[in-house]
Amino acid sequence: MTDRKLIAAEVWDFIEALRCRREPEVTGEMGLRSVAIISALIRSACSGEPVRVMGSELK
């Protein structure tokens, strides 16, 4: 599946979750975890050093 199709599928699931009053497959918590990990990867790439993702960033 292409990136566009994956994003479209996530958006569609989110809309359906709102309609059906259920939690979406990709939760807000999962999204925040992804952002924390990607942010750490970028910081590591820029500094050339390992970057630890703190537990509080993953909750």
C-alpha atoms as a PDB file:
ATOM      1  CA  MET A   1       0.000   0.000   0.000  1.00  0.00           C
ATOM      2  CA  THR A   2       1.292   3.493  -0.776  1.00  0.00           C
ATOM      3  CA  ASP A   3       1.758   6.134   1.926  1.00  0.00           C
ATOM      4  CA  ARG A   4      -1.255   8.031   0.578  1.00  0.00           C
ATOM      5  CA  LYS A   5      -3.444   4.950   0.771  1.00  0.00           C
ATOM      6  CA  LEU A   6      -2.256   4.172   4.303  1.00  0.00           C
ATOM      7  CA  ILE A   7      -3.025   7.703   5.469  1.00  0.00           C
ATOM      8  CA  ALA A   8      -6.408   7.618   3.718  1.00  0.00           C
ATOM      9  CA  ALA A   9      -7.206   4.314   5.434  1.00  0.00           C
ATOM     10  CA  GLU A  10      -6.289   5.773   8.836  1.00  0.00           C
ATOM     11  CA  VAL A  11      -8.417   8.862   8.233  1.00  0.00           C
ATOM     12  CA  TRP A  12     -11.329   6.698   7.078  1.00  0.00           C
ATOM     13  CA  ASP A  13     -11.004   4.505  10.174  1.00  0.00           C
ATOM     14  CA  PHE A  14     -10.924   7.611  12.380  1.00  0.00           C
ATOM     15  CA  ILE A  15     -14.121   8.937  10.789  1.00  0.00           C
ATOM     16  CA  GLU A  16     -15.800   5.553  11.166  1.00  0.00           C
ATOM     17  CA  ALA A  17     -14.645   5.371  14.788  1.00  0.00           C
ATOM     18  CA  LEU A  18     -16.307   8.723  15.472  1.00  0.00           C
ATOM     19  CA  ARG A  19     -19.496   7.570  13.769  1.00  0.00           C
ATOM     20  CA  CYS A  20     -19.573   4.253  15.612  1.00  0.00           C
ATOM     21  CA  ARG A  21     -18.331   5.707  18.908  1.00  0.00           C
ATOM     22  CA  ARG A  22     -15.376   3.367  19.116  1.00  0.00           C
ATOM     23  CA  GLU A  23     -11.647   3.841  19.465  1.00  0.00           C
ATOM     24  CA  PRO A  24      -9.790   4.107  16.140  1.00  0.00           C
ATOM     25  CA  GLU A  25      -7.251   1.458  15.170  1.00  0.00           C
ATOM     26  CA  VAL A  26      -4.479   4.047  15.534  1.00  0.00           C
ATOM     27  CA  THR A  27      -5.067   5.850  18.814  1.00  0.00           C
ATOM     28  CA  GLY A  28      -3.859   9.288  19.800  1.00  0.00           C
ATOM     29  CA  GLU A  29      -1.456   7.624  22.225  1.00  0.00           C
ATOM     30  CA  MET A  30       0.046   5.565  19.410  1.00  0.00           C
ATOM     31  CA  GLY A  31       0.425   8.725  17.336  1.00  0.00           C
ATOM     32  CA  LEU A  32       2.212  10.513  20.176  1.00  0.00           C
ATOM     33  CA  ARG A  33       4.592   7.576  20.593  1.00  0.00           C
ATOM     34  CA  SER A  34       5.403   7.674  16.891  1.00  0.00           C
ATOM     35  CA  VAL A  35       6.100  11.407  17.049  1.00  0.00           C
ATOM     36  CA  ALA A  36       8.380  10.950  20.090  1.00  0.00           C
ATOM     37  CA  ILE A  37      10.363   8.213  18.342  1.00  0.00           C
ATOM     38  CA  ILE A  38      10.654  10.134  15.067  1.00  0.00           C
ATOM     39  CA  SER A  39      11.704  13.263  16.956  1.00  0.00           C
ATOM     40  CA  ALA A  40      14.440  11.283  18.727  1.00  0.00           C
ATOM     41  CA  LEU A  41      15.608   9.848  15.392  1.00  0.00           C
ATOM     42  CA  ILE A  42      15.889  13.344  13.913  1.00  0.00           C
ATOM     43  CA  ARG A  43      17.741  14.688  16.975  1.00  0.00           C
ATOM     44  CA  SER A  44      20.121  11.727  16.812  1.00  0.00           C
ATOM     45  CA  ALA A  45      20.750  12.199  13.093  1.00  0.00           C
ATOM     46  CA  CYS A  46      21.478  15.910  13.598  1.00  0.00           C
ATOM     47  CA  SER A  47      23.794  15.410  16.566  1.00  0.00           C
ATOM     48  CA  GLY A  48      25.406  12.156  15.459  1.00  0.00           C
ATOM     49  CA  GLU A  49      24.801  10.849  18.966  1.00  0.00           C
ATOM     50  CA  PRO A  50      22.331   8.338  20.384  1.00  0.00           C
ATOM     51  CA  VAL A  51      19.195   9.938  21.822  1.00  0.00           C
ATOM     52  CA  ARG A  52      17.149   8.251  24.498  1.00  0.00           C
ATOM     53  CA  VAL A  53      13.378   8.397  24.245  1.00  0.00           C
ATOM     54  CA  MET A  54      12.145   8.937  27.762  1.00  0.00           C
ATOM     55  CA  GLY A  55       9.319   6.816  29.124  1.00  0.00           C
ATOM     56  CA  SER A  56       7.202   9.927  29.694  1.00  0.00           C
ATOM     57  CA  GLU A  57       7.431  10.675  25.961  1.00  0.00           C
ATOM     58  CA  LEU A  58       5.975   7.251  25.191  1.00  0.00           C
ATOM     59  CA  LYS A  59       2.927   7.445  27.464  1.00  0.00           C
END
